[in-house]
């Protein structure tokens, strides 16, 4: 009987051996982590998080560059669409100075006199359309103030042209060059401001599409 009991005891001990080994193994792993061997796992996890953050930043940067490029392309397209309309009223002078523009308008004004009002009409319509189309351009938040400044410049130019047209349209007064010159000066100044605003806005959008490496290369 004792022999059987002793054998049973030994069998029970052998059957518990795997559990005891697993418990010791878990305790050993836990102790290893506490001793600092788990730092490798922490470093690997941190590396993965940094890589994910870098990927997200790169994706956002790519999206931002695309948005700036798309807005610049839209503005280029709008500017091209207005060329014919502006040319009809001698307000489009590529790379022209204020003096060149003033001379062109003065010559047209003296040639047509009061009838020049009809030639200025396309400018008014074109500027109104341009302002509406600019309002629909989707620009990045950081560039909204530039587009708003451009729209203000368009409105100021349209007002200057409108006042000149009102003078020319007045039937009770003959055309007077001195009076006309004052209006022409206002139109030229407003046009120059508009032209500067337009190109500075487009240039800013194009610059924003470049990567930091490309900007540094310049």
Protein backbone atom coordinates (compact mmCIF):
# COMPACT_ATOMS: atom_id res chain seq x y z
CA UNK A 1 0.00 0.00 0.00
CA UNK A 2 2.76 2.36 0.88
CA UNK A 3 4.50 1.54 -2.38
CA UNK A 4 1.41 2.39 -4.34
CA UNK A 5 0.94 5.61 -2.42
CA UNK A 6 4.55 6.55 -3.02
CA UNK A 7 4.14 5.85 -6.73
CA UNK A 8 0.98 7.93 -6.88
CA UNK A 9 2.78 10.80 -5.21
CA UNK A 10 5.61 10.63 -7.71
CA UNK A 11 3.09 10.53 -10.62
CA UNK A 12 1.35 13.63 -9.26
CA UNK A 13 4.68 15.45 -9.00
CA UNK A 14 5.57 14.52 -12.59
CA UNK A 15 2.16 15.70 -13.85
CA UNK A 16 2.64 19.11 -12.18
CA UNK A 17 6.14 19.59 -13.58
CA UNK A 18 5.07 21.35 -16.87
CA UNK A 19 2.93 23.83 -14.95
CA UNK A 20 5.73 24.57 -12.58
CA UNK A 21 8.14 25.05 -15.51
CA UNK A 22 5.73 27.44 -17.23
CA UNK A 23 5.29 29.43 -14.04
CA UNK A 24 9.04 29.66 -13.60
CA UNK A 25 9.41 30.71 -17.27
CA UNK A 26 6.82 33.50 -16.86
CA UNK A 27 8.48 34.67 -13.67
CA UNK A 28 11.82 34.68 -15.48
CA UNK A 29 10.42 36.77 -18.37
CA UNK A 30 8.83 39.22 -15.99
CA UNK A 31 12.05 39.54 -14.09
CA UNK A 32 13.95 40.10 -17.35
CA UNK A 33 11.65 42.94 -18.31
CA UNK A 34 12.10 44.47 -14.88
CA UNK A 35 15.87 44.19 -15.25
CA UNK A 36 15.76 46.20 -18.47
CA UNK A 37 15.84 43.53 -21.14
CA UNK A 38 12.44 44.78 -22.26
CA UNK A 39 13.98 48.04 -23.41
CA UNK A 40 14.53 46.56 -26.85
CA UNK A 41 10.81 46.09 -27.21
CA UNK A 42 10.13 49.65 -26.06
CA UNK A 43 12.69 51.05 -28.51
CA UNK A 44 11.19 49.06 -31.37
CA UNK A 45 7.70 50.32 -30.48
CA UNK A 46 8.93 53.92 -30.31
CA UNK A 47 10.64 53.52 -33.68
CA UNK A 48 7.40 52.28 -35.24
CA UNK A 49 5.47 55.24 -33.83
CA UNK A 50 8.03 57.71 -35.15
CA UNK A 51 7.93 56.08 -38.58
CA UNK A 52 4.14 56.34 -38.67
CA UNK A 53 4.28 59.99 -37.61
CA UNK A 54 6.83 60.74 -40.33
CA UNK A 55 4.65 59.05 -42.94
CA UNK A 56 1.62 61.08 -41.88
CA UNK A 57 3.61 64.32 -42.03
CA UNK A 58 4.89 63.44 -45.50
CA UNK A 59 1.38 62.66 -46.73
CA UNK A 60 0.09 65.97 -45.35
CA UNK A 61 2.98 67.85 -46.94
CA UNK A 62 2.28 66.20 -50.31
CA UNK A 63 -1.41 67.08 -50.07
CA UNK A 64 -0.57 70.69 -49.17
CA UNK A 65 1.82 71.05 -52.13
CA UNK A 66 -0.87 69.66 -54.44
CA UNK A 67 -3.43 72.15 -53.09
CA UNK A 68 -1.09 75.11 -53.67
CA UNK A 69 -0.25 73.89 -57.19
CA UNK A 70 -3.92 73.43 -58.06
CA UNK A 71 -4.79 76.94 -56.85
CA UNK A 72 -1.91 78.47 -58.84
CA UNK A 73 -3.07 76.62 -61.94
CA UNK A 74 -6.61 77.92 -61.49
CA UNK A 75 -5.38 81.50 -61.18
CA UNK A 76 -3.22 81.12 -64.29
CA UNK A 77 -6.25 79.84 -66.18
CA UNK A 78 -8.43 82.74 -65.00
CA UNK A 79 -5.78 85.29 -65.95
CA UNK A 80 -5.51 83.80 -69.45
CA UNK A 81 -9.29 83.91 -69.88
CA UNK A 82 -9.36 87.65 -69.17
CA UNK A 83 -6.64 88.61 -71.66
CA UNK A 84 -8.93 89.02 -74.66
CA UNK A 85 -11.46 91.09 -72.71
CA UNK A 86 -8.80 93.37 -71.19
CA UNK A 87 -7.08 93.79 -74.56
CA UNK A 88 -10.30 95.17 -76.01
CA UNK A 89 -10.13 98.11 -73.62
CA UNK A 90 -6.32 98.53 -73.71
CA UNK A 91 -5.92 97.49 -70.10
CA UNK A 92 -3.76 94.47 -70.72
CA UNK A 93 -0.15 95.51 -71.16
CA UNK A 94 2.12 92.49 -70.49
CA UNK A 95 5.18 93.68 -68.55
CA UNK A 96 4.17 97.24 -69.34
CA UNK A 97 4.91 100.14 -67.04
CA UNK A 98 2.34 102.61 -65.72
CA UNK A 99 3.55 105.10 -68.31
CA UNK A 100 3.01 102.65 -71.18
CA UNK A 101 -0.52 101.92 -69.97
CA UNK A 102 -1.29 105.61 -69.41
CA UNK A 103 -0.11 106.48 -72.92
CA UNK A 104 -2.25 103.73 -74.46
CA UNK A 105 -5.40 104.81 -72.61
CA UNK A 106 -4.81 108.51 -73.31
CA UNK A 107 -4.38 107.80 -77.01
CA UNK A 108 -7.55 105.72 -77.11
CA UNK A 109 -9.47 108.35 -75.11
CA UNK A 110 -8.44 111.18 -77.41
CA UNK A 111 -9.23 109.11 -80.48
CA UNK A 112 -12.69 107.95 -79.40
CA UNK A 113 -13.65 110.76 -77.02
CA UNK A 114 -16.95 110.06 -75.29
CA UNK A 115 -17.36 106.88 -77.34
CA UNK A 116 -14.48 105.33 -75.38
CA UNK A 117 -17.04 104.47 -72.71
CA UNK A 118 -18.25 101.59 -74.87
CA UNK A 119 -14.75 100.17 -75.13
CA UNK A 120 -14.35 100.25 -71.37
CA UNK A 121 -17.59 98.29 -70.88
CA UNK A 122 -15.94 94.87 -71.56
CA UNK A 123 -13.43 95.59 -68.79
CA UNK A 124 -16.19 96.14 -66.27
CA UNK A 125 -17.90 92.89 -67.25
CA UNK A 126 -14.64 90.94 -67.29
CA UNK A 127 -13.64 92.18 -63.83
CA UNK A 128 -17.05 91.31 -62.39
CA UNK A 129 -16.81 87.79 -63.80
CA UNK A 130 -13.23 87.44 -62.59
CA UNK A 131 -14.22 88.42 -59.06
CA UNK A 132 -17.02 85.82 -58.99
CA UNK A 133 -14.71 83.11 -60.29
CA UNK A 134 -12.00 84.02 -57.78
CA UNK A 135 -14.51 83.60 -54.98
CA UNK A 136 -14.95 79.98 -56.08
CA UNK A 137 -11.25 79.13 -56.20
CA UNK A 138 -10.34 76.66 -53.46
CA UNK A 139 -7.11 77.97 -51.92
CA UNK A 140 -5.25 76.78 -48.81
CA UNK A 141 -6.11 78.65 -45.63
CA UNK A 142 -2.69 80.32 -45.48
CA UNK A 143 -3.32 81.94 -48.89
CA UNK A 144 -6.88 83.14 -48.37
CA UNK A 145 -5.73 86.61 -47.32
CA UNK A 146 -3.81 86.99 -50.60
CA UNK A 147 -6.84 86.09 -52.70
CA UNK A 148 -8.96 88.46 -50.63
CA UNK A 149 -6.40 91.21 -51.28
CA UNK A 150 -6.57 90.44 -54.97
CA UNK A 151 -10.36 90.67 -54.95
CA UNK A 152 -10.14 94.06 -53.20
CA UNK A 153 -7.73 95.23 -55.92
CA UNK A 154 -10.17 94.04 -58.61
CA UNK A 155 -13.02 95.92 -56.93
CA UNK A 156 -10.90 99.11 -56.73
CA UNK A 157 -10.00 98.84 -60.42
CA UNK A 158 -13.63 98.30 -61.36
CA UNK A 159 -14.64 101.38 -59.37
CA UNK A 160 -11.99 103.51 -61.12
CA UNK A 161 -13.15 102.30 -64.53
CA UNK A 162 -16.78 102.83 -63.52
CA UNK A 163 -16.13 106.45 -62.57
CA UNK A 164 -14.34 107.09 -65.86
CA UNK A 165 -17.20 105.48 -67.77
CA UNK A 166 -19.72 107.64 -65.90
CA UNK A 167 -17.81 110.75 -66.92
CA UNK A 168 -17.64 109.63 -70.55
CA UNK A 169 -21.31 108.67 -70.55
CA UNK A 170 -22.42 112.10 -69.27
CA UNK A 171 -24.22 113.65 -72.28
CA UNK A 172 -24.29 117.25 -71.01
CA UNK A 173 -20.51 117.78 -71.05
CA UNK A 174 -18.13 117.60 -73.96
CA UNK A 175 -14.98 115.52 -73.73
CA UNK A 176 -12.28 117.40 -71.82
CA UNK A 177 -8.76 116.01 -71.89
CA UNK A 178 -7.75 117.53 -68.54
CA UNK A 179 -10.73 116.02 -66.75
CA UNK A 180 -10.23 112.73 -68.55
CA UNK A 181 -6.56 112.63 -67.51
CA UNK A 182 -7.54 112.65 -63.84
CA UNK A 183 -9.74 109.59 -64.38
CA UNK A 184 -7.07 107.91 -66.48
CA UNK A 185 -4.51 108.36 -63.70
CA UNK A 186 -6.88 106.69 -61.24
CA UNK A 187 -7.44 103.78 -63.61
CA UNK A 188 -3.71 103.34 -64.22
CA UNK A 189 -2.87 103.33 -60.50
CA UNK A 190 -5.69 100.87 -59.76
CA UNK A 191 -4.64 98.63 -62.66
CA UNK A 192 -1.00 98.60 -61.52
CA UNK A 193 -2.02 97.65 -57.99
CA UNK A 194 -4.24 94.89 -59.36
CA UNK A 195 -1.46 93.57 -61.59
CA UNK A 196 1.04 93.50 -58.72
CA UNK A 197 -1.47 91.75 -56.44
CA UNK A 198 -2.22 89.17 -59.09
CA UNK A 199 1.39 88.21 -59.78
CA UNK A 200 2.43 88.27 -56.12
CA UNK A 201 -0.45 85.92 -55.27
CA UNK A 202 0.45 83.47 -58.03
CA UNK A 203 4.15 83.66 -57.13
CA UNK A 204 3.36 82.90 -53.48
CA UNK A 205 1.28 79.88 -54.47
CA UNK A 206 4.02 78.57 -56.74
CA UNK A 207 6.67 79.07 -54.06
CA UNK A 208 4.54 77.09 -51.59
CA UNK A 209 4.46 74.11 -53.97
CA UNK A 210 8.23 73.72 -53.79
CA UNK A 211 9.85 71.38 -51.34
CA UNK A 212 12.30 72.80 -48.75
CA UNK A 213 15.17 71.18 -50.71
CA UNK A 214 14.08 72.88 -53.94
CA UNK A 215 13.82 76.27 -52.20
CA UNK A 216 17.26 75.81 -50.66
CA UNK A 217 18.71 74.97 -54.08
CA UNK A 218 17.73 78.43 -55.28
